[in-house]
Amino acid sequence: MKSSDSDRETFSSNFGLLMTMIGVAVGLGNVWRFPYMVGLYGGASFVIFYIVMVITIGIPAMMTEWVLGRHTRRGTLGAFEIGGFPGGKYVGWFLFFVLLCATGYYTNVLGWVGFHAIGYVASLFDIDFNVSAILPPDSGFESTSFLLQMFMTGGVLAACGAVLVKGLKRGIEKISKIIIPVLFIVLLILIVRSVTLPGAGEGVRWFIGGFDLSSLTGSVMAAALGQAVFSMSLGGTFMVIYGSYLNKNAKIMKNALLTGLGDSLFGLLAGFAIFPAVFALGLKPDEGPNLIFSTLPEIFSTLPAGWLFGLLFFCGLFGAAFLSDVAGLEVLVGGIRDKFGIDRKKAVIMVCMSSFLLAIPPMINFGIFVPWDLFFGSGMQTLGALLAVITAVWCIKRSEVLRELSTGRDKPVPLFLLWWMRYVIPFAILFVGLNWLLENVL
């Protein structure tokens, strides 16, 4: 028997809703990816344009995914079909498989983060612990790295499963209420340590005070827009399933605005925690994806009580990424339950085991991991976001979309917003996709 709308869980409070949604969005996208993207694309120009993109593109796109989820009361499996997208049944299954592959490599990275946190605990007891041993080689095969990744990935999936079996309110929402406030406090502590280092002011100026209009090239703008899509977990998966858990009175526009701003705030806090220290110690900010795995440990090793700050950072990063991993797995669990009506515990076991198997290929080396990330992460996430927007504002009746957007408001939303969602948002997301094709495929 398939899942029915009447027994579908919804959020218990608006605070729980916001903490969960921010937890979904923050993840590795803000504390890991945002700082290294800022480093690669020149600092303040990227940061300012990114914030503009979050407000003008990211938040409205998030609203469309919530509309799709709440209107259909389904996740990826079912939402596109019920929403009226041509071939929606097959689109849903395609995005379901894409996300299943993506959660595998994402959980691998989460395992790397957890291993680094363990390393800082070991250093407290003077235990020789090589944190880089878990990172896959650039090519070939390294048995130590492979076995460590299997162990950590299995442990992370088991922890995610323990949260998922408790459901939305007692599991996901409850842990989000704990992790997000703790992450905020951890980042504030790291910021205080970072900005008080001698020479940290140069890093602050580079991060937010060095805007140069001439540096705002097409590549920088595309990267900033792509980061907005990535960091807000758009893609026709995460936000659609969580949109289906919104109660009928939840204000979509207000909560999307607060979620988008909260998500961006954590990215900015991560930047303030990292770049002042990078400049203070004479290191380079453009290390790319390895910024937190190579540059930050070097920073922490030079600071008094550096083990403590390293432990705080990697534990905070693990917490943020853990919530996103739970969210990705919940998309899969919710989809299976909606489609086949099976018990939640059985669905969780099926999803976690499948995700573990699909995590194995990218464990082998970066030659597999990077293309895996580019395809199942960046590329297909953009495609999913585009399909979700089209389904929400072109396939669902206009009156229904406006009703969903206007719920809880004294006045209906202006028609301009629907026009913006129909014409501007799809082209903006398509621009991100074309840029991805040109830079990473062609």
Protein backbone atom coordinates (compact mmCIF):
# COMPACT_ATOMS: atom_id res chain seq x y z
CA MET A 1 0.00 0.00 0.00
CA LYS A 2 1.42 3.37 -1.05
CA SER A 3 1.94 6.26 1.35
CA SER A 4 -1.08 8.55 1.74
CA ASP A 5 -1.15 12.30 2.30
CA SER A 6 -3.11 12.02 5.54
CA ASP A 7 -0.35 10.16 7.42
CA ARG A 8 2.50 12.28 6.03
CA GLU A 9 4.63 13.94 8.71
CA THR A 10 5.03 17.72 8.77
CA PHE A 11 7.34 19.97 10.78
CA SER A 12 6.36 20.46 14.42
CA SER A 13 7.35 24.16 14.59
CA ASN A 14 8.61 27.00 12.46
CA PHE A 15 11.93 26.98 14.34
CA GLY A 16 12.33 23.30 13.60
CA LEU A 17 11.47 23.96 9.95
CA LEU A 18 14.11 26.67 9.64
CA MET A 19 16.83 24.72 11.44
CA THR A 20 16.14 21.71 9.24
CA MET A 21 16.04 23.69 5.99
CA ILE A 22 19.22 25.61 6.86
CA GLY A 23 20.82 22.31 7.84
CA VAL A 24 19.90 20.84 4.46
CA ALA A 25 21.33 23.84 2.63
CA VAL A 26 24.53 24.48 4.61
CA GLY A 27 26.40 21.17 4.43
CA LEU A 28 29.71 20.93 2.63
CA GLY A 29 28.47 23.50 0.12
CA ASN A 30 29.05 26.40 2.53
CA VAL A 31 31.76 25.36 4.94
CA TRP A 32 33.89 23.43 2.40
CA ARG A 33 32.96 24.54 -1.12
CA PHE A 34 32.15 28.22 -0.59
CA PRO A 35 35.57 29.17 0.89
CA TYR A 36 37.55 27.39 -1.81
CA MET A 37 35.37 28.89 -4.56
CA VAL A 38 35.98 32.35 -3.08
CA GLY A 39 39.70 31.59 -3.09
CA LEU A 40 39.67 30.43 -6.71
CA TYR A 41 37.57 33.32 -8.01
CA GLY A 42 39.22 36.28 -6.38
CA GLY A 43 37.57 37.17 -3.10
CA ALA A 44 35.16 40.07 -2.61
CA SER A 45 33.84 40.30 -6.18
CA PHE A 46 32.74 36.69 -6.05
CA VAL A 47 31.27 37.08 -2.55
CA ILE A 48 29.16 40.13 -3.39
CA PHE A 49 27.83 38.71 -6.65
CA TYR A 50 27.10 35.40 -4.90
CA ILE A 51 24.91 37.18 -2.32
CA VAL A 52 23.06 38.96 -5.13
CA MET A 53 22.47 35.60 -6.85
CA VAL A 54 21.18 33.99 -3.67
CA ILE A 55 18.60 36.74 -3.23
CA THR A 56 17.49 37.10 -6.86
CA ILE A 57 17.83 33.51 -8.14
CA GLY A 58 18.46 31.05 -5.31
CA ILE A 59 15.61 32.00 -2.98
CA PRO A 60 12.92 32.18 -5.72
CA ALA A 61 14.17 28.84 -7.10
CA MET A 62 13.91 27.33 -3.62
CA MET A 63 10.34 28.62 -3.41
CA THR A 64 9.44 26.81 -6.65
CA GLU A 65 10.82 23.51 -5.32
CA TRP A 66 8.82 23.91 -2.12
CA VAL A 67 5.70 24.69 -4.17
CA LEU A 68 6.27 21.49 -6.17
CA GLY A 69 6.76 19.43 -3.01
CA ARG A 70 3.85 20.81 -1.00
CA HIS A 71 1.43 20.84 -3.93
CA THR A 72 2.10 17.19 -4.85
CA ARG A 73 2.91 15.92 -1.31
CA ARG A 74 5.65 13.84 -2.92
CA GLY A 75 9.41 13.84 -3.23
CA THR A 76 11.46 13.18 -6.37
CA LEU A 77 9.52 9.96 -7.05
CA GLY A 78 6.04 11.26 -7.79
CA ALA A 79 6.36 15.04 -7.75
CA PHE A 80 7.26 15.44 -11.42
CA GLU A 81 4.60 12.95 -12.49
CA ILE A 82 1.82 14.47 -10.38
CA GLY A 83 3.03 17.97 -11.29
CA GLY A 84 2.35 17.22 -14.95
CA PHE A 85 5.85 17.26 -16.44
CA PRO A 86 5.97 15.17 -19.66
CA GLY A 87 7.58 11.86 -18.80
CA GLY A 88 7.62 12.95 -15.16
CA LYS A 89 7.67 9.37 -13.89
CA TYR A 90 10.97 8.72 -15.68
CA VAL A 91 12.41 12.09 -14.69
CA GLY A 92 11.75 11.23 -11.06
CA TRP A 93 13.47 7.85 -11.32
CA PHE A 94 16.43 9.39 -13.17
CA LEU A 95 16.97 12.05 -10.48
CA PHE A 96 16.48 9.38 -7.82
CA PHE A 97 19.36 7.35 -9.27
CA VAL A 98 21.52 10.45 -9.69
CA LEU A 99 21.04 11.35 -6.04
CA LEU A 100 21.77 7.77 -4.95
CA CYS A 101 25.15 8.00 -6.71
CA ALA A 102 25.76 11.49 -5.33
CA THR A 103 25.12 10.51 -1.71
CA GLY A 104 27.82 7.86 -2.08
CA TYR A 105 30.69 10.20 -2.91
CA TYR A 106 29.31 12.88 -0.58
CA THR A 107 29.41 10.37 2.29
CA ASN A 108 33.01 9.58 1.35
CA VAL A 109 33.95 13.24 1.85
CA LEU A 110 32.05 13.28 5.12
CA GLY A 111 34.18 10.32 6.18
CA TRP A 112 37.35 12.29 5.35
CA VAL A 113 36.11 15.12 7.56
CA GLY A 114 35.33 12.77 10.42
CA PHE A 115 38.75 11.15 10.09
CA HIS A 116 40.43 14.56 10.36
CA ALA A 117 38.43 15.28 13.53
CA ILE A 118 39.59 11.96 15.00
CA GLY A 119 43.16 12.95 14.10
CA TYR A 120 42.97 16.08 16.25
CA VAL A 121 41.69 14.03 19.18
CA ALA A 122 44.62 11.63 18.69
CA SER A 123 47.11 14.52 18.67
CA LEU A 124 45.92 15.49 22.14
CA PHE A 125 47.27 12.15 23.39
CA ASP A 126 50.46 12.37 21.28
CA ILE A 127 49.30 9.51 19.06
CA ASP A 128 50.92 9.43 15.63
CA PHE A 129 47.96 9.84 13.28
CA ASN A 130 48.28 10.60 9.56
CA VAL A 131 44.99 12.31 8.64
CA SER A 132 45.86 12.41 4.94
CA ALA A 133 46.03 8.60 4.84
CA ILE A 134 42.29 8.47 4.14
CA LEU A 135 42.43 10.68 1.04
CA PRO A 136 42.34 8.68 -2.22
CA PRO A 137 45.42 8.81 -4.47
CA ASP A 138 45.42 10.90 -7.65
CA SER A 139 45.54 7.67 -9.68
CA GLY A 140 45.94 3.94 -9.18
CA PHE A 141 44.87 2.14 -6.02
CA GLU A 142 45.96 2.50 -2.39
CA SER A 143 44.66 -0.19 -0.05
CA THR A 144 45.07 1.83 3.19
CA SER A 145 43.06 4.75 1.83
CA PHE A 146 40.42 2.42 0.39
CA LEU A 147 39.90 0.47 3.63
CA LEU A 148 39.82 3.61 5.76
CA GLN A 149 37.21 5.16 3.46
CA MET A 150 35.08 2.01 3.57
CA PHE A 151 35.20 2.01 7.37
CA MET A 152 34.39 5.72 7.76
CA THR A 153 31.71 5.71 5.05
CA GLY A 154 30.03 2.71 6.64
CA GLY A 155 30.09 4.42 10.03
CA VAL A 156 28.61 7.64 8.66
CA LEU A 157 25.81 5.79 6.87
CA ALA A 158 25.02 3.85 10.05
CA ALA A 159 24.76 7.15 11.98
CA CYS A 160 22.54 8.64 9.27
CA GLY A 161 20.36 5.55 9.37
CA ALA A 162 19.92 5.88 13.13
CA VAL A 163 18.49 9.38 12.61
CA LEU A 164 16.36 8.46 9.61
CA VAL A 165 14.53 5.55 11.25
CA LYS A 166 13.10 8.01 13.81
CA GLY A 167 11.40 10.01 11.07
CA LEU A 168 11.04 13.75 10.48
CA LYS A 169 10.09 15.15 13.90
CA ARG A 170 11.90 12.80 16.30
CA GLY A 171 14.95 12.33 14.07
CA ILE A 172 15.79 14.89 11.41
CA GLU A 173 14.13 17.95 12.94
CA LYS A 174 15.35 17.16 16.46
CA ILE A 175 19.02 16.76 15.52
CA SER A 176 18.89 19.85 13.27
CA LYS A 177 17.77 21.96 16.24
CA ILE A 178 20.96 20.89 18.03
CA ILE A 179 23.60 20.90 15.27
CA ILE A 180 22.83 24.24 13.58
CA PRO A 181 23.05 26.41 16.76
CA VAL A 182 26.22 24.52 17.82
CA LEU A 183 27.77 25.06 14.38
CA PHE A 184 27.01 28.78 14.66
CA ILE A 185 28.81 28.98 18.03
CA VAL A 186 31.79 26.97 16.74
CA LEU A 187 32.23 29.28 13.74
CA LEU A 188 32.06 32.36 16.00
CA ILE A 189 34.85 30.92 18.20
CA LEU A 190 36.99 30.21 15.13
CA ILE A 191 36.35 33.70 13.75
CA VAL A 192 37.55 35.32 16.98
CA ARG A 193 40.76 33.27 16.84
CA SER A 194 41.27 33.95 13.12
CA VAL A 195 40.69 37.72 13.03
CA THR A 196 42.88 38.34 16.09
CA LEU A 197 45.99 36.88 14.45
CA PRO A 198 48.68 39.44 13.46
CA GLY A 199 48.15 40.38 9.81
CA ALA A 200 44.59 39.00 9.66
CA GLY A 201 43.23 42.35 8.49
CA GLU A 202 44.60 41.77 5.00
CA GLY A 203 42.53 38.60 4.73
CA VAL A 204 39.38 40.40 5.88
CA ARG A 205 39.90 43.14 3.29
CA TRP A 206 40.49 40.59 0.56
CA PHE A 207 37.38 38.63 1.55
CA ILE A 208 34.82 41.45 1.74
CA GLY A 209 36.48 44.78 1.05
CA GLY A 210 38.24 44.44 -2.28
CA PHE A 211 35.38 44.60 -4.76
CA ASP A 212 36.54 45.42 -8.26
CA LEU A 213 33.92 45.67 -11.00
CA SER A 214 36.48 44.80 -13.69
CA SER A 215 37.13 41.45 -12.00
CA LEU A 216 33.48 40.44 -12.33
CA THR A 217 34.04 38.33 -15.46
CA GLY A 218 31.62 35.86 -17.01
CA SER A 219 33.43 32.97 -15.33
CA VAL A 220 33.17 34.61 -11.91
CA MET A 221 29.45 35.34 -12.38
CA ALA A 222 28.74 31.79 -13.58
CA ALA A 223 30.71 30.34 -10.68
CA ALA A 224 28.85 32.52 -8.16
CA LEU A 225 25.46 31.56 -9.61
CA GLY A 226 26.48 27.90 -9.67
CA GLN A 227 27.54 28.13 -6.03
CA ALA A 228 24.13 29.57 -5.14
CA VAL A 229 22.41 26.58 -6.76
CA PHE A 230 24.82 24.13 -5.12
CA SER A 231 24.90 25.62 -1.63
CA MET A 232 21.11 25.92 -1.37
CA SER A 233 20.71 22.24 -2.29
CA LEU A 234 18.54 22.96 -5.32
CA GLY A 235 18.18 20.14 -7.80
CA GLY A 236 14.65 18.76 -7.75
CA THR A 237 15.48 16.44 -4.84
CA PHE A 238 16.30 17.80 -1.35
CA MET A 239 14.00 20.80 -1.31
CA VAL A 240 11.15 19.00 -3.08
CA ILE A 241 10.91 16.26 -0.43
CA TYR A 242 11.23 18.78 2.40
CA GLY A 243 8.67 20.98 0.69
CA SER A 244 6.30 18.01 0.84
CA TYR A 245 6.74 18.05 4.65
CA LEU A 246 5.62 21.70 4.95
CA ASN A 247 2.29 22.02 6.69
CA LYS A 248 -0.53 23.70 4.79
CA ASN A 249 -0.12 27.01 6.68
CA ALA A 250 3.67 27.40 6.35
CA LYS A 251 4.68 30.65 4.63
CA ILE A 252 6.81 29.64 1.66
CA MET A 253 8.13 33.09 0.78
CA LYS A 254 9.11 34.08 4.33
CA ASN A 255 10.74 30.76 5.17
CA ALA A 256 12.62 30.61 1.86
CA LEU A 257 14.01 34.09 2.50
CA LEU A 258 15.13 33.17 6.02
CA THR A 259 16.62 29.88 4.82
CA GLY A 260 18.54 31.53 1.99
CA LEU A 261 19.92 34.27 4.24
CA GLY A 262 20.79 31.75 6.96
CA ASP A 263 22.55 29.55 4.43
CA SER A 264 24.58 32.50 3.11
CA LEU A 265 25.42 33.61 6.65
CA PHE A 266 27.11 30.29 7.37
CA GLY A 267 29.15 30.58 4.17
CA LEU A 268 30.31 34.06 5.16
CA LEU A 269 31.14 32.91 8.69
CA ALA A 270 33.22 30.06 7.27
CA GLY A 271 35.10 32.57 5.13
CA PHE A 272 35.80 34.81 8.13
CA ALA A 273 37.05 31.77 10.04
CA ILE A 274 39.44 30.75 7.26
CA PHE A 275 40.80 33.62 5.15
CA PRO A 276 42.13 35.98 7.87
CA ALA A 277 44.21 33.06 9.18
CA VAL A 278 45.33 32.12 5.65
CA PHE A 279 46.66 35.62 5.00
CA ALA A 280 48.05 36.05 8.51
CA LEU A 281 50.28 33.02 8.02
CA GLY A 282 51.32 33.93 4.48
CA LEU A 283 49.51 31.05 2.75
CA LYS A 284 47.61 31.09 -0.54
CA PRO A 285 43.79 31.24 -0.64
CA ASP A 286 43.49 29.58 -4.07
CA GLU A 287 44.22 25.99 -3.03
CA GLY A 288 40.91 24.80 -4.46
CA PRO A 289 39.07 21.76 -3.01
CA ASN A 290 42.06 20.90 -0.79
CA LEU A 291 41.87 24.22 1.05
CA ILE A 292 40.42 22.75 4.24
CA PHE A 293 42.30 19.44 4.00
CA SER A 294 45.79 20.81 3.35
CA THR A 295 45.96 24.53 4.17
CA LEU A 296 43.85 24.52 7.36
CA PRO A 297 45.75 21.74 9.14
CA GLU A 298 48.93 23.72 8.42
CA ILE A 299 47.33 26.79 10.00
CA PHE A 300 46.13 24.93 13.07
CA SER A 301 49.56 23.35 13.60
CA THR A 302 51.10 26.82 14.05
CA LEU A 303 48.53 28.13 16.55
CA PRO A 304 48.65 27.76 20.34
CA ALA A 305 46.10 25.03 21.21
CA GLY A 306 45.78 24.49 17.47
CA TRP A 307 44.48 20.98 18.05
CA LEU A 308 41.43 22.46 19.78
CA PHE A 309 40.61 24.84 16.93
CA GLY A 310 41.23 22.07 14.39
CA LEU A 311 38.91 19.75 16.30
CA LEU A 312 36.22 22.43 16.56
CA PHE A 313 36.41 23.20 12.85
CA PHE A 314 36.26 19.64 11.59
CA CYS A 315 33.57 18.65 14.11
CA GLY A 316 31.51 21.66 13.01
CA LEU A 317 32.05 20.81 9.35
CA PHE A 318 31.10 17.20 10.03
CA GLY A 319 27.87 18.30 11.73
CA ALA A 320 26.89 20.56 8.84
CA ALA A 321 27.70 17.93 6.23
CA PHE A 322 25.94 15.23 8.25
CA LEU A 323 22.63 17.10 8.06
CA SER A 324 22.93 17.37 4.28
CA ASP A 325 23.77 13.69 4.02
CA VAL A 326 20.70 12.83 6.11
CA ALA A 327 18.64 15.07 3.82
CA GLY A 328 19.89 13.33 0.68
CA LEU A 329 19.16 9.91 2.11
CA GLU A 330 15.71 11.09 3.26
CA VAL A 331 14.87 11.99 -0.35
CA LEU A 332 15.58 8.38 -1.26
CA VAL A 333 13.81 6.89 1.77
CA GLY A 334 10.77 9.13 1.29
CA GLY A 335 10.65 8.30 -2.41
CA ILE A 336 10.64 4.55 -1.81
CA ARG A 337 7.99 4.84 0.91
CA ASP A 338 5.78 7.06 -1.26
CA LYS A 339 6.08 4.70 -4.21
CA PHE A 340 5.84 1.32 -2.55
CA GLY A 341 4.45 2.02 0.93
CA ILE A 342 7.08 -0.07 2.73
CA ASP A 343 8.10 0.30 6.36
CA ARG A 344 10.48 3.23 7.10
CA LYS A 345 13.09 1.00 8.76
CA LYS A 346 13.25 -1.33 5.75
CA ALA A 347 13.49 1.65 3.40
CA VAL A 348 16.36 3.13 5.42
CA ILE A 349 18.30 -0.16 5.34
CA MET A 350 17.79 -0.51 1.58
CA VAL A 351 18.90 3.05 0.87
CA CYS A 352 21.95 2.99 3.16
CA MET A 353 23.18 -0.33 1.73
CA SER A 354 22.70 0.87 -1.85
CA SER A 355 24.45 4.16 -1.10
CA PHE A 356 27.40 2.28 0.41
CA LEU A 357 27.80 0.13 -2.70
CA LEU A 358 27.72 3.19 -4.98
CA ALA A 359 30.24 4.93 -2.72
CA ILE A 360 32.90 2.35 -3.60
CA PRO A 361 33.93 3.50 -7.14
CA PRO A 362 34.89 7.10 -6.13
CA MET A 363 36.89 5.72 -3.18
CA ILE A 364 39.49 4.28 -5.58
CA ASN A 365 41.21 7.51 -6.69
CA PHE A 366 40.63 11.15 -7.57
CA GLY A 367 40.65 10.21 -11.26
CA ILE A 368 37.26 8.59 -10.60
CA PHE A 369 36.10 10.81 -7.77
CA VAL A 370 36.36 14.16 -9.60
CA PRO A 371 34.36 13.17 -12.74
CA TRP A 372 31.86 11.42 -10.45
CA ASP A 373 31.43 14.67 -8.52
CA LEU A 374 31.19 16.81 -11.66
CA PHE A 375 28.54 14.61 -13.24
CA PHE A 376 26.36 13.42 -10.35
CA GLY A 377 26.92 16.57 -8.28
CA SER A 378 27.39 19.79 -10.23
CA GLY A 379 25.98 18.79 -13.64
CA MET A 380 22.92 16.75 -12.77
CA GLN A 381 22.07 18.97 -9.78
CA THR A 382 21.72 21.89 -12.19
CA LEU A 383 19.55 19.82 -14.54
CA GLY A 384 17.32 18.74 -11.66
CA ALA A 385 16.89 22.33 -10.50
CA LEU A 386 15.87 23.38 -14.02
CA LEU A 387 13.32 20.56 -14.34
CA ALA A 388 11.86 21.33 -10.91
CA VAL A 389 11.35 25.02 -11.75
CA ILE A 390 9.73 24.21 -15.09
CA THR A 391 7.39 21.66 -13.47
CA ALA A 392 6.40 24.00 -10.64
CA VAL A 393 5.66 27.17 -12.61
CA TRP A 394 4.83 25.90 -16.09
CA CYS A 395 3.10 22.53 -15.58
CA ILE A 396 1.08 23.20 -12.41
CA LYS A 397 -1.88 25.56 -12.85
CA ARG A 398 -1.01 29.20 -12.31
CA SER A 399 -3.80 29.63 -9.76
CA GLU A 400 -2.45 26.71 -7.71
CA VAL A 401 1.09 28.10 -7.75
CA LEU A 402 -0.12 31.52 -6.63
CA ARG A 403 -2.21 29.92 -3.90
CA GLU A 404 0.80 27.99 -2.56
CA LEU A 405 2.98 31.11 -2.63
CA SER A 406 0.32 33.30 -0.98
CA THR A 407 -0.53 30.93 1.90
CA GLY A 408 -0.21 32.71 5.25
CA ARG A 409 0.12 36.17 3.68
CA ASP A 410 -2.31 39.04 4.12
CA LYS A 411 -2.04 39.85 0.43
CA PRO A 412 -1.49 37.59 -2.61
CA VAL A 413 2.04 37.57 -4.00
CA PRO A 414 2.52 39.94 -6.94
CA LEU A 415 2.22 38.42 -10.40
CA PHE A 416 5.71 39.77 -11.12
CA LEU A 417 7.15 37.06 -8.88
CA LEU A 418 5.53 34.32 -10.95
CA TRP A 419 6.77 36.01 -14.12
CA TRP A 420 10.28 36.09 -12.65
CA MET A 421 10.08 32.40 -11.76
CA ARG A 422 8.82 31.46 -15.21
CA TYR A 423 11.23 33.38 -17.40
CA VAL A 424 14.30 34.53 -15.47
CA ILE A 425 15.00 31.61 -13.11
CA PRO A 426 15.07 28.88 -15.83
CA PHE A 427 17.45 30.89 -18.01
CA ALA A 428 19.71 31.64 -15.06
CA ILE A 429 19.93 27.93 -14.16
CA LEU A 430 20.42 27.05 -17.83
CA PHE A 431 23.35 29.50 -17.89
CA VAL A 432 24.93 27.59 -14.99
CA GLY A 433 24.46 24.31 -16.85
CA LEU A 434 25.96 25.60 -20.08
CA ASN A 435 28.94 27.01 -18.21
CA TRP A 436 29.42 23.58 -16.55
CA LEU A 437 29.37 21.90 -19.96
CA LEU A 438 31.87 24.34 -21.46
CA GLU A 439 34.33 24.27 -18.55
CA ASN A 440 34.11 20.68 -17.36
CA VAL A 441 32.95 18.58 -20.29
CA LEU A 442 33.72 20.26 -23.61
